[in-house]
Amino acid sequence: VAPNPDRAYFTRNEFIGAMFTTDSEPAGHGFETPDARGWYRIWPAPGIRLIGLNTSDHPAPLPTGIYEAGCISDEQSDFLRRELADAAQHGEWVIVASHHPSQILEMLHGSALGPEQCRALLNDYPNVILHLTGHLHRNRVADRGGYVEIETCSTLDPPQEARVVEIWRDTADDSLIIRYYMFSH
């Protein structure tokens, strides 16, 4: 990688603030304010609510600790519960997106939800249809009972693929079809 004096790390608030300066819509891309906490909800299509979680939100960090596992703070867990209940009340389908897959949420690091608690919570709401994740840079699809958890690799590592997820609704009976496939450059 060529040296670049303009390359630098950025904070969570700098990243979120940049979402308000893009030319694309909507302003903030789901974040309500430039100093948001790092989790959000947005409606990508009528009747579908996307809930974005910040699973890198470690509520009890240790100095110099390396945190590979995911965490969800109590505050974020409360937000998720409110959003799931509100979506159910409004008859919306829900997609949850997080960096870490459910199997590596770590309560030992202060996460309010571990793998089983996260899956149970999402399964409490039959309107949850997808949990989209990454982190481990592998391609996995798991049936979690009431929803599908799709884990996708990184475009940085071989095989350098990405995934397209499509949701189709049959208006006759309101059933859903979820189609997902990989593509490569």
N, C-alpha and C. Protein backbone atom coordinates (compact mmCIF):
# COMPACT_ATOMS: atom_id res chain seq x y z
N VAL A 1 0.86 -1.17 0.00
CA VAL A 1 0.00 0.00 0.00
C VAL A 1 0.90 1.23 0.00
N ALA A 2 0.65 2.11 -0.93
CA ALA A 2 1.46 3.32 -1.04
C ALA A 2 1.18 4.25 0.13
N PRO A 3 2.23 4.85 0.69
CA PRO A 3 2.02 5.82 1.79
C PRO A 3 1.14 6.98 1.32
N ASN A 4 0.26 7.41 2.21
CA ASN A 4 -0.64 8.52 1.90
C ASN A 4 -0.82 9.34 3.18
N PRO A 5 -0.31 10.55 3.23
CA PRO A 5 -0.41 11.35 4.46
C PRO A 5 -1.85 11.73 4.81
N ASP A 6 -2.78 11.62 3.85
CA ASP A 6 -4.18 11.95 4.12
C ASP A 6 -4.95 10.78 4.71
N ARG A 7 -4.36 9.59 4.69
CA ARG A 7 -5.04 8.41 5.23
C ARG A 7 -4.97 8.47 6.75
N ALA A 8 -6.11 8.25 7.38
CA ALA A 8 -6.14 8.33 8.85
C ALA A 8 -7.32 7.53 9.38
N TYR A 9 -7.24 7.14 10.63
CA TYR A 9 -8.38 6.52 11.29
C TYR A 9 -9.44 7.59 11.53
N PHE A 10 -10.68 7.17 11.63
CA PHE A 10 -11.74 8.11 11.95
C PHE A 10 -12.58 7.55 13.08
N THR A 11 -13.23 8.44 13.79
CA THR A 11 -14.06 8.04 14.92
C THR A 11 -15.44 7.65 14.42
N ARG A 12 -16.21 7.02 15.29
CA ARG A 12 -17.58 6.66 14.95
C ARG A 12 -18.37 7.91 14.58
N ASN A 13 -18.22 8.99 15.36
CA ASN A 13 -18.98 10.21 15.06
C ASN A 13 -18.56 10.85 13.74
N GLU A 14 -17.27 10.75 13.39
CA GLU A 14 -16.83 11.27 12.09
C GLU A 14 -17.47 10.46 10.95
N PHE A 15 -17.54 9.14 11.12
CA PHE A 15 -18.18 8.30 10.11
C PHE A 15 -19.66 8.64 9.98
N ILE A 16 -20.35 8.72 11.11
CA ILE A 16 -21.79 9.02 11.07
C ILE A 16 -22.02 10.42 10.51
N GLY A 17 -21.20 11.38 10.90
CA GLY A 17 -21.32 12.74 10.36
C GLY A 17 -21.18 12.77 8.86
N ALA A 18 -20.29 11.92 8.31
CA ALA A 18 -20.10 11.87 6.86
C ALA A 18 -21.36 11.38 6.14
N MET A 19 -22.19 10.62 6.82
CA MET A 19 -23.44 10.14 6.21
C MET A 19 -24.41 11.29 5.91
N PHE A 20 -24.19 12.44 6.55
CA PHE A 20 -25.06 13.59 6.34
C PHE A 20 -24.52 14.52 5.25
N THR A 21 -23.36 14.20 4.69
CA THR A 21 -22.76 15.07 3.68
C THR A 21 -22.71 14.41 2.30
N THR A 22 -23.35 13.26 2.14
CA THR A 22 -23.34 12.57 0.86
C THR A 22 -24.38 13.17 -0.08
N ASP A 23 -24.22 12.92 -1.36
CA ASP A 23 -25.19 13.37 -2.36
C ASP A 23 -26.40 12.45 -2.44
N SER A 24 -26.25 11.22 -1.96
CA SER A 24 -27.35 10.26 -2.05
C SER A 24 -28.33 10.44 -0.89
N GLU A 25 -29.50 9.93 -1.07
CA GLU A 25 -30.57 10.04 -0.08
C GLU A 25 -30.77 8.72 0.64
N PRO A 26 -31.37 8.74 1.80
CA PRO A 26 -31.79 9.91 2.58
C PRO A 26 -30.62 10.48 3.37
N ALA A 27 -30.73 11.73 3.73
CA ALA A 27 -29.70 12.38 4.55
C ALA A 27 -29.51 11.57 5.83
N GLY A 28 -28.30 11.26 6.14
CA GLY A 28 -28.00 10.49 7.35
C GLY A 28 -28.03 8.98 7.13
N HIS A 29 -28.64 8.53 6.06
CA HIS A 29 -28.70 7.09 5.73
C HIS A 29 -29.17 6.25 6.91
N GLY A 30 -30.17 6.73 7.63
CA GLY A 30 -30.74 6.00 8.76
C GLY A 30 -30.37 6.59 10.11
N PHE A 31 -29.22 7.23 10.20
CA PHE A 31 -28.85 7.87 11.46
C PHE A 31 -29.68 9.14 11.62
N GLU A 32 -30.18 9.38 12.82
CA GLU A 32 -31.06 10.53 13.04
C GLU A 32 -30.31 11.84 13.16
N THR A 33 -29.12 11.80 13.76
CA THR A 33 -28.32 13.01 13.94
C THR A 33 -26.85 12.67 13.68
N PRO A 34 -26.02 13.68 13.38
CA PRO A 34 -24.60 13.41 13.15
C PRO A 34 -23.85 12.86 14.37
N ASP A 35 -24.42 13.00 15.56
CA ASP A 35 -23.76 12.45 16.75
C ASP A 35 -24.52 11.24 17.29
N ALA A 36 -25.16 10.50 16.39
CA ALA A 36 -25.95 9.32 16.78
C ALA A 36 -25.05 8.26 17.42
N ARG A 37 -25.69 7.31 18.06
CA ARG A 37 -24.97 6.29 18.81
C ARG A 37 -24.35 5.20 17.95
N GLY A 38 -24.77 5.06 16.72
CA GLY A 38 -24.20 4.03 15.86
C GLY A 38 -25.17 2.94 15.48
N TRP A 39 -26.40 3.02 15.94
CA TRP A 39 -27.44 2.09 15.49
C TRP A 39 -28.60 2.92 14.98
N TYR A 40 -29.41 2.31 14.12
CA TYR A 40 -30.43 3.09 13.43
C TYR A 40 -31.51 2.18 12.86
N ARG A 41 -32.52 2.81 12.29
CA ARG A 41 -33.54 2.09 11.53
C ARG A 41 -33.92 2.98 10.35
N ILE A 42 -34.28 2.30 9.26
CA ILE A 42 -34.63 2.98 8.02
C ILE A 42 -35.61 2.08 7.26
N TRP A 43 -36.37 2.67 6.35
CA TRP A 43 -37.34 1.94 5.56
C TRP A 43 -36.87 1.91 4.11
N PRO A 44 -36.17 0.84 3.67
CA PRO A 44 -35.66 0.79 2.30
C PRO A 44 -36.74 0.61 1.26
N ALA A 45 -37.90 0.11 1.67
CA ALA A 45 -39.04 -0.07 0.77
C ALA A 45 -40.30 -0.05 1.64
N PRO A 46 -41.43 0.28 1.06
CA PRO A 46 -42.66 0.28 1.86
C PRO A 46 -42.91 -1.08 2.51
N GLY A 47 -43.17 -1.05 3.80
CA GLY A 47 -43.47 -2.28 4.53
C GLY A 47 -42.25 -3.05 5.02
N ILE A 48 -41.04 -2.52 4.79
CA ILE A 48 -39.82 -3.19 5.25
C ILE A 48 -39.01 -2.23 6.10
N ARG A 49 -38.70 -2.65 7.31
CA ARG A 49 -37.87 -1.86 8.22
C ARG A 49 -36.51 -2.55 8.35
N LEU A 50 -35.47 -1.79 8.10
CA LEU A 50 -34.09 -2.27 8.27
C LEU A 50 -33.57 -1.69 9.58
N ILE A 51 -33.14 -2.56 10.48
CA ILE A 51 -32.57 -2.13 11.75
C ILE A 51 -31.08 -2.43 11.70
N GLY A 52 -30.27 -1.38 11.75
CA GLY A 52 -28.82 -1.53 11.74
C GLY A 52 -28.29 -1.49 13.15
N LEU A 53 -27.53 -2.51 13.53
CA LEU A 53 -26.95 -2.59 14.87
C LEU A 53 -25.45 -2.37 14.82
N ASN A 54 -24.91 -1.81 15.89
CA ASN A 54 -23.47 -1.62 16.02
C ASN A 54 -22.94 -2.68 16.97
N THR A 55 -22.58 -3.83 16.43
CA THR A 55 -22.10 -4.92 17.29
C THR A 55 -20.64 -4.74 17.69
N SER A 56 -20.05 -3.62 17.33
CA SER A 56 -18.72 -3.26 17.82
C SER A 56 -18.83 -2.32 19.01
N ASP A 57 -20.02 -2.19 19.55
CA ASP A 57 -20.31 -1.31 20.68
C ASP A 57 -19.99 -2.07 21.97
N HIS A 58 -18.76 -1.95 22.45
CA HIS A 58 -18.34 -2.69 23.65
C HIS A 58 -18.58 -1.83 24.89
N PRO A 59 -19.58 -2.18 25.69
CA PRO A 59 -19.92 -1.36 26.85
C PRO A 59 -18.89 -1.42 27.98
N ALA A 60 -18.07 -2.45 28.04
CA ALA A 60 -17.10 -2.58 29.12
C ALA A 60 -15.70 -2.84 28.55
N PRO A 61 -15.15 -1.88 27.80
CA PRO A 61 -13.84 -2.14 27.18
C PRO A 61 -12.72 -2.16 28.21
N LEU A 62 -11.76 -3.03 27.97
CA LEU A 62 -10.56 -3.08 28.80
C LEU A 62 -9.45 -2.38 28.04
N PRO A 63 -8.63 -1.58 28.72
CA PRO A 63 -7.53 -0.90 28.02
C PRO A 63 -6.65 -1.90 27.28
N THR A 64 -6.30 -1.59 26.08
CA THR A 64 -5.48 -2.38 25.16
C THR A 64 -6.12 -3.71 24.79
N GLY A 65 -7.41 -3.89 25.12
CA GLY A 65 -8.08 -5.13 24.77
C GLY A 65 -8.33 -5.23 23.28
N ILE A 66 -8.29 -6.43 22.77
CA ILE A 66 -8.62 -6.69 21.37
C ILE A 66 -9.97 -7.39 21.38
N TYR A 67 -10.93 -6.82 20.70
CA TYR A 67 -12.29 -7.33 20.76
C TYR A 67 -12.71 -7.87 19.40
N GLU A 68 -12.61 -9.17 19.25
CA GLU A 68 -13.04 -9.80 18.01
C GLU A 68 -14.52 -10.15 18.07
N ALA A 69 -15.01 -10.46 19.25
CA ALA A 69 -16.40 -10.84 19.42
C ALA A 69 -17.30 -9.60 19.38
N GLY A 70 -18.55 -9.81 19.07
CA GLY A 70 -19.50 -8.72 19.00
C GLY A 70 -20.19 -8.47 20.32
N CYS A 71 -20.65 -7.24 20.50
CA CYS A 71 -21.38 -6.84 21.70
C CYS A 71 -22.54 -5.93 21.32
N ILE A 72 -23.58 -6.00 22.11
CA ILE A 72 -24.73 -5.10 21.99
C ILE A 72 -24.99 -4.56 23.39
N SER A 73 -24.90 -3.24 23.54
CA SER A 73 -25.10 -2.63 24.86
C SER A 73 -26.55 -2.76 25.31
N ASP A 74 -26.79 -2.53 26.61
CA ASP A 74 -28.15 -2.54 27.13
C ASP A 74 -29.01 -1.51 26.40
N GLU A 75 -28.45 -0.32 26.18
CA GLU A 75 -29.19 0.74 25.51
C GLU A 75 -29.56 0.34 24.08
N GLN A 76 -28.63 -0.31 23.39
CA GLN A 76 -28.91 -0.74 22.02
C GLN A 76 -29.91 -1.90 22.01
N SER A 77 -29.80 -2.78 22.99
CA SER A 77 -30.75 -3.89 23.11
C SER A 77 -32.17 -3.36 23.32
N ASP A 78 -32.30 -2.32 24.17
CA ASP A 78 -33.61 -1.69 24.39
C ASP A 78 -34.13 -1.07 23.09
N PHE A 79 -33.25 -0.41 22.35
CA PHE A 79 -33.62 0.16 21.04
C PHE A 79 -34.13 -0.93 20.11
N LEU A 80 -33.41 -2.06 20.03
CA LEU A 80 -33.81 -3.16 19.16
C LEU A 80 -35.18 -3.68 19.56
N ARG A 81 -35.42 -3.87 20.84
CA ARG A 81 -36.72 -4.36 21.32
C ARG A 81 -37.86 -3.39 20.95
N ARG A 82 -37.61 -2.09 21.13
CA ARG A 82 -38.63 -1.10 20.78
C ARG A 82 -38.92 -1.12 19.28
N GLU A 83 -37.86 -1.19 18.47
CA GLU A 83 -38.03 -1.19 17.02
C GLU A 83 -38.76 -2.44 16.54
N LEU A 84 -38.42 -3.60 17.11
CA LEU A 84 -39.09 -4.83 16.72
C LEU A 84 -40.58 -4.77 17.07
N ALA A 85 -40.89 -4.28 18.26
CA ALA A 85 -42.29 -4.17 18.67
C ALA A 85 -43.05 -3.17 17.80
N ASP A 86 -42.42 -2.03 17.50
CA ASP A 86 -43.06 -1.02 16.66
C ASP A 86 -43.30 -1.54 15.25
N ALA A 87 -42.31 -2.25 14.70
CA ALA A 87 -42.47 -2.83 13.36
C ALA A 87 -43.61 -3.84 13.34
N ALA A 88 -43.70 -4.67 14.38
CA ALA A 88 -44.78 -5.65 14.46
C ALA A 88 -46.13 -4.96 14.52
N GLN A 89 -46.20 -3.89 15.31
CA GLN A 89 -47.45 -3.14 15.44
C GLN A 89 -47.88 -2.52 14.12
N HIS A 90 -46.89 -2.12 13.29
CA HIS A 90 -47.20 -1.49 12.00
C HIS A 90 -47.25 -2.49 10.85
N GLY A 91 -47.13 -3.78 11.14
CA GLY A 91 -47.21 -4.81 10.10
C GLY A 91 -46.06 -4.78 9.12
N GLU A 92 -44.88 -4.41 9.59
CA GLU A 92 -43.71 -4.32 8.71
C GLU A 92 -42.84 -5.56 8.83
N TRP A 93 -42.25 -5.98 7.71
CA TRP A 93 -41.23 -7.02 7.72
C TRP A 93 -39.94 -6.39 8.22
N VAL A 94 -39.09 -7.15 8.90
CA VAL A 94 -37.88 -6.60 9.49
C VAL A 94 -36.64 -7.35 8.99
N ILE A 95 -35.64 -6.55 8.62
CA ILE A 95 -34.30 -7.04 8.33
C ILE A 95 -33.39 -6.43 9.39
N VAL A 96 -32.62 -7.26 10.06
CA VAL A 96 -31.64 -6.78 11.03
C VAL A 96 -30.27 -6.93 10.37
N ALA A 97 -29.46 -5.90 10.44
CA ALA A 97 -28.11 -5.94 9.88
C ALA A 97 -27.11 -5.64 10.99
N SER A 98 -26.05 -6.44 11.06
CA SER A 98 -25.00 -6.21 12.04
C SER A 98 -23.68 -6.70 11.46
N HIS A 99 -22.59 -6.16 11.98
CA HIS A 99 -21.29 -6.61 11.50
C HIS A 99 -21.02 -8.05 11.94
N HIS A 100 -21.28 -8.34 13.21
CA HIS A 100 -20.98 -9.66 13.77
C HIS A 100 -22.19 -10.59 13.65
N PRO A 101 -21.95 -11.86 13.28
CA PRO A 101 -23.05 -12.84 13.30
C PRO A 101 -23.44 -13.18 14.74
N SER A 102 -24.62 -13.72 14.90
CA SER A 102 -25.13 -13.97 16.26
C SER A 102 -24.25 -14.93 17.05
N GLN A 103 -23.59 -15.89 16.39
CA GLN A 103 -22.82 -16.89 17.15
C GLN A 103 -21.61 -16.32 17.86
N ILE A 104 -21.19 -15.07 17.53
CA ILE A 104 -20.02 -14.54 18.24
C ILE A 104 -20.34 -13.27 19.04
N LEU A 105 -21.60 -13.11 19.45
CA LEU A 105 -21.91 -12.08 20.43
C LEU A 105 -21.41 -12.58 21.78
N GLU A 106 -20.69 -11.76 22.50
CA GLU A 106 -20.01 -12.22 23.71
C GLU A 106 -20.47 -11.45 24.95
N MET A 107 -21.25 -12.12 25.80
CA MET A 107 -21.74 -11.50 27.02
C MET A 107 -20.61 -11.24 28.02
N LEU A 108 -19.52 -11.99 27.93
CA LEU A 108 -18.38 -11.80 28.81
C LEU A 108 -17.78 -10.40 28.66
N HIS A 109 -17.90 -9.81 27.47
CA HIS A 109 -17.39 -8.46 27.23
C HIS A 109 -18.45 -7.38 27.49
N GLY A 110 -19.57 -7.76 28.08
CA GLY A 110 -20.59 -6.79 28.43
C GLY A 110 -21.79 -6.73 27.51
N SER A 111 -21.88 -7.66 26.57
CA SER A 111 -23.02 -7.65 25.65
C SER A 111 -24.30 -8.01 26.40
N ALA A 112 -25.35 -7.27 26.12
CA ALA A 112 -26.66 -7.54 26.72
C ALA A 112 -27.28 -8.80 26.15
N LEU A 113 -26.85 -9.18 24.94
CA LEU A 113 -27.40 -10.36 24.27
C LEU A 113 -26.27 -11.28 23.84
N GLY A 114 -26.38 -12.55 24.19
CA GLY A 114 -25.49 -13.57 23.67
C GLY A 114 -26.15 -14.21 22.46
N PRO A 115 -25.53 -15.22 21.87
CA PRO A 115 -26.09 -15.85 20.69
C PRO A 115 -27.53 -16.35 20.88
N GLU A 116 -27.76 -17.10 21.95
CA GLU A 116 -29.09 -17.66 22.18
C GLU A 116 -30.12 -16.58 22.46
N GLN A 117 -29.74 -15.56 23.25
CA GLN A 117 -30.67 -14.49 23.58
C GLN A 117 -31.03 -13.67 22.34
N CYS A 118 -30.04 -13.41 21.50
CA CYS A 118 -30.29 -12.65 20.27
C CYS A 118 -31.24 -13.40 19.36
N ARG A 119 -30.96 -14.69 19.15
CA ARG A 119 -31.82 -15.50 18.27
C ARG A 119 -33.23 -15.63 18.83
N ALA A 120 -33.33 -15.81 20.15
CA ALA A 120 -34.66 -15.92 20.77
C ALA A 120 -35.44 -14.62 20.61
N LEU A 121 -34.77 -13.49 20.80
CA LEU A 121 -35.44 -12.20 20.64
C LEU A 121 -35.94 -12.03 19.21
N LEU A 122 -35.09 -12.30 18.22
CA LEU A 122 -35.53 -12.15 16.83
C LEU A 122 -36.64 -13.12 16.49
N ASN A 123 -36.60 -14.33 17.06
CA ASN A 123 -37.66 -15.31 16.81
C ASN A 123 -38.96 -14.98 17.53
N ASP A 124 -38.91 -14.10 18.54
CA ASP A 124 -40.13 -13.66 19.21
C ASP A 124 -41.02 -12.83 18.28
N TYR A 125 -40.45 -12.36 17.19
CA TYR A 125 -41.19 -11.51 16.25
C TYR A 125 -41.25 -12.21 14.90
N PRO A 126 -42.41 -12.77 14.55
CA PRO A 126 -42.53 -13.50 13.28
C PRO A 126 -42.34 -12.61 12.05
N ASN A 127 -42.32 -11.30 12.23
CA ASN A 127 -42.10 -10.39 11.11
C ASN A 127 -40.62 -10.19 10.81
N VAL A 128 -39.70 -10.73 11.64
CA VAL A 128 -38.27 -10.69 11.35
C VAL A 128 -38.00 -11.75 10.30
N ILE A 129 -37.44 -11.33 9.16
CA ILE A 129 -37.20 -12.28 8.07
C ILE A 129 -35.73 -12.54 7.81
N LEU A 130 -34.86 -11.56 8.11
CA LEU A 130 -33.43 -11.70 7.80
C LEU A 130 -32.56 -11.08 8.88
N HIS A 131 -31.40 -11.69 9.09
CA HIS A 131 -30.32 -11.08 9.85
C HIS A 131 -29.11 -11.14 8.94
N LEU A 132 -28.66 -9.99 8.45
CA LEU A 132 -27.52 -9.90 7.54
C LEU A 132 -26.26 -9.56 8.33
N THR A 133 -25.19 -10.35 8.13
CA THR A 133 -23.96 -10.17 8.90
C THR A 133 -22.71 -10.36 8.04
N GLY A 134 -21.58 -10.14 8.66
CA GLY A 134 -20.30 -10.33 8.00
C GLY A 134 -19.27 -10.79 9.01
N HIS A 135 -18.21 -10.01 9.18
CA HIS A 135 -17.14 -10.15 10.15
C HIS A 135 -16.18 -11.31 9.91
N LEU A 136 -16.66 -12.53 9.79
CA LEU A 136 -15.78 -13.68 9.68
C LEU A 136 -15.30 -13.92 8.24
N HIS A 137 -15.75 -13.12 7.30
CA HIS A 137 -15.32 -13.20 5.90
C HIS A 137 -15.57 -14.58 5.30
N ARG A 138 -16.74 -15.11 5.57
CA ARG A 138 -17.12 -16.40 5.00
C ARG A 138 -18.57 -16.33 4.56
N ASN A 139 -18.96 -17.26 3.72
CA ASN A 139 -20.33 -17.31 3.23
C ASN A 139 -21.08 -18.43 3.94
N ARG A 140 -22.09 -18.05 4.70
CA ARG A 140 -22.90 -19.03 5.42
C ARG A 140 -24.34 -18.53 5.42
N VAL A 141 -25.26 -19.48 5.32
CA VAL A 141 -26.68 -19.17 5.46
C VAL A 141 -27.23 -20.15 6.49
N ALA A 142 -27.91 -19.63 7.50
CA ALA A 142 -28.45 -20.48 8.56
C ALA A 142 -29.92 -20.19 8.76
N ASP A 143 -30.71 -21.25 8.83
CA ASP A 143 -32.12 -21.13 9.18
C ASP A 143 -32.17 -21.05 10.70
N ARG A 144 -32.62 -19.92 11.22
CA ARG A 144 -32.67 -19.70 12.66
C ARG A 144 -34.07 -19.95 13.24
N GLY A 145 -34.89 -20.68 12.53
CA GLY A 145 -36.22 -21.00 13.03
C GLY A 145 -37.28 -20.14 12.38
N GLY A 146 -37.31 -18.86 12.73
CA GLY A 146 -38.30 -17.96 12.15
C GLY A 146 -37.73 -17.02 11.12
N TYR A 147 -36.42 -16.97 11.01
CA TYR A 147 -35.76 -16.05 10.08
C TYR A 147 -34.49 -16.71 9.55
N VAL A 148 -33.88 -16.09 8.56
CA VAL A 148 -32.64 -16.60 7.96
C VAL A 148 -31.51 -15.65 8.34
N GLU A 149 -30.38 -16.21 8.78
CA GLU A 149 -29.19 -15.41 9.04
C GLU A 149 -28.21 -15.64 7.89
N ILE A 150 -27.88 -14.56 7.19
CA ILE A 150 -26.99 -14.64 6.04
C ILE A 150 -25.69 -13.93 6.39
N GLU A 151 -24.62 -14.68 6.32
CA GLU A 151 -23.28 -14.17 6.60
C GLU A 151 -22.53 -14.12 5.27
N THR A 152 -21.93 -12.99 4.97
CA THR A 152 -21.29 -12.81 3.67
C THR A 152 -19.82 -12.46 3.84
N CYS A 153 -19.01 -12.96 2.90
CA CYS A 153 -17.57 -12.72 2.94
C CYS A 153 -17.25 -11.27 2.61
N SER A 154 -15.97 -10.97 2.63
CA SER A 154 -15.48 -9.63 2.33
C SER A 154 -15.02 -9.57 0.88
N THR A 155 -15.18 -8.42 0.27
CA THR A 155 -14.65 -8.24 -1.08
C THR A 155 -13.14 -8.02 -1.05
N LEU A 156 -12.55 -7.91 0.15
CA LEU A 156 -11.10 -7.73 0.28
C LEU A 156 -10.34 -9.04 0.23
N ASP A 157 -10.97 -10.12 0.68
CA ASP A 157 -10.31 -11.42 0.77
C ASP A 157 -10.82 -12.36 -0.32
N PRO A 158 -9.98 -13.29 -0.77
CA PRO A 158 -10.46 -14.29 -1.72
C PRO A 158 -11.64 -15.04 -1.11
N PRO A 159 -12.66 -15.35 -1.82
CA PRO A 159 -12.77 -15.27 -3.27
C PRO A 159 -13.29 -13.91 -3.79
N GLN A 160 -13.29 -12.89 -2.97
CA GLN A 160 -13.67 -11.53 -3.36
C GLN A 160 -15.05 -11.50 -4.02
N GLU A 161 -16.01 -12.02 -3.32
CA GLU A 161 -17.38 -12.05 -3.81
C GLU A 161 -18.25 -11.12 -2.98
N ALA A 162 -19.39 -10.83 -3.52
CA ALA A 162 -20.41 -10.07 -2.81
C ALA A 162 -21.73 -10.82 -2.98
N ARG A 163 -22.74 -10.37 -2.27
CA ARG A 163 -24.01 -11.08 -2.30
C ARG A 163 -25.14 -10.11 -2.62
N VAL A 164 -26.08 -10.58 -3.39
CA VAL A 164 -27.31 -9.85 -3.66
C VAL A 164 -28.43 -10.58 -2.92
N VAL A 165 -29.24 -9.82 -2.20
CA VAL A 165 -30.39 -10.39 -1.50
C VAL A 165 -31.63 -9.70 -2.06
N GLU A 166 -32.57 -10.50 -2.50
CA GLU A 166 -33.84 -9.97 -3.02
C GLU A 166 -34.98 -10.52 -2.19
N ILE A 167 -35.96 -9.68 -1.95
CA ILE A 167 -37.15 -10.09 -1.22
C ILE A 167 -38.35 -9.87 -2.15
N TRP A 168 -39.08 -10.92 -2.37
CA TRP A 168 -40.25 -10.86 -3.24
C TRP A 168 -41.49 -11.16 -2.40
N ARG A 169 -42.53 -10.36 -2.60
CA ARG A 169 -43.78 -10.57 -1.87
C ARG A 169 -44.89 -10.91 -2.83
N ASP A 170 -45.62 -11.97 -2.52
CA ASP A 170 -46.80 -12.35 -3.30
C ASP A 170 -47.97 -11.60 -2.69
N THR A 171 -48.50 -10.64 -3.44
CA THR A 171 -49.59 -9.82 -2.90
C THR A 171 -50.88 -10.60 -2.72
N ALA A 172 -51.02 -11.76 -3.37
CA ALA A 172 -52.24 -12.56 -3.23
C ALA A 172 -52.36 -13.14 -1.82
N ASP A 173 -51.25 -13.65 -1.28
CA ASP A 173 -51.33 -14.26 0.06
C ASP A 173 -50.33 -13.65 1.05
N ASP A 174 -49.63 -12.58 0.65
CA ASP A 174 -48.66 -11.86 1.49
C ASP A 174 -47.47 -12.73 1.91
N SER A 175 -47.21 -13.81 1.17
CA SER A 175 -46.05 -14.64 1.47
C SER A 175 -44.79 -13.99 0.90
N LEU A 176 -43.64 -14.40 1.44
CA LEU A 176 -42.36 -13.84 1.00
C LEU A 176 -41.47 -14.91 0.41
N ILE A 177 -40.68 -14.50 -0.55
CA ILE A 177 -39.61 -15.32 -1.09
C ILE A 177 -38.33 -14.52 -0.92
N ILE A 178 -37.32 -15.12 -0.31
CA ILE A 178 -36.03 -14.47 -0.15
C ILE A 178 -35.05 -15.20 -1.07
N ARG A 179 -34.47 -14.44 -1.98
CA ARG A 179 -33.51 -15.00 -2.93
C ARG A 179 -32.16 -14.35 -2.67
N TYR A 180 -31.12 -15.16 -2.61
CA TYR A 180 -29.79 -14.62 -2.37
C TYR A 180 -28.80 -15.38 -3.23
N TYR A 181 -27.87 -14.66 -3.79
CA TYR A 181 -26.86 -15.29 -4.62
C TYR A 181 -25.58 -14.46 -4.60
N MET A 182 -24.48 -15.12 -4.93
CA MET A 182 -23.17 -14.50 -4.92
C MET A 182 -22.83 -13.98 -6.30
N PHE A 183 -22.01 -12.94 -6.35
CA PHE A 183 -21.44 -12.51 -7.62
C PHE A 183 -19.99 -12.11 -7.40
N SER A 184 -19.24 -12.20 -8.46
CA SER A 184 -17.82 -11.92 -8.39
C SER A 184 -17.46 -10.95 -9.50
N HIS A 185 -16.40 -10.19 -9.28
CA HIS A 185 -15.97 -9.27 -10.30
C HIS A 185 -15.30 -10.01 -11.44
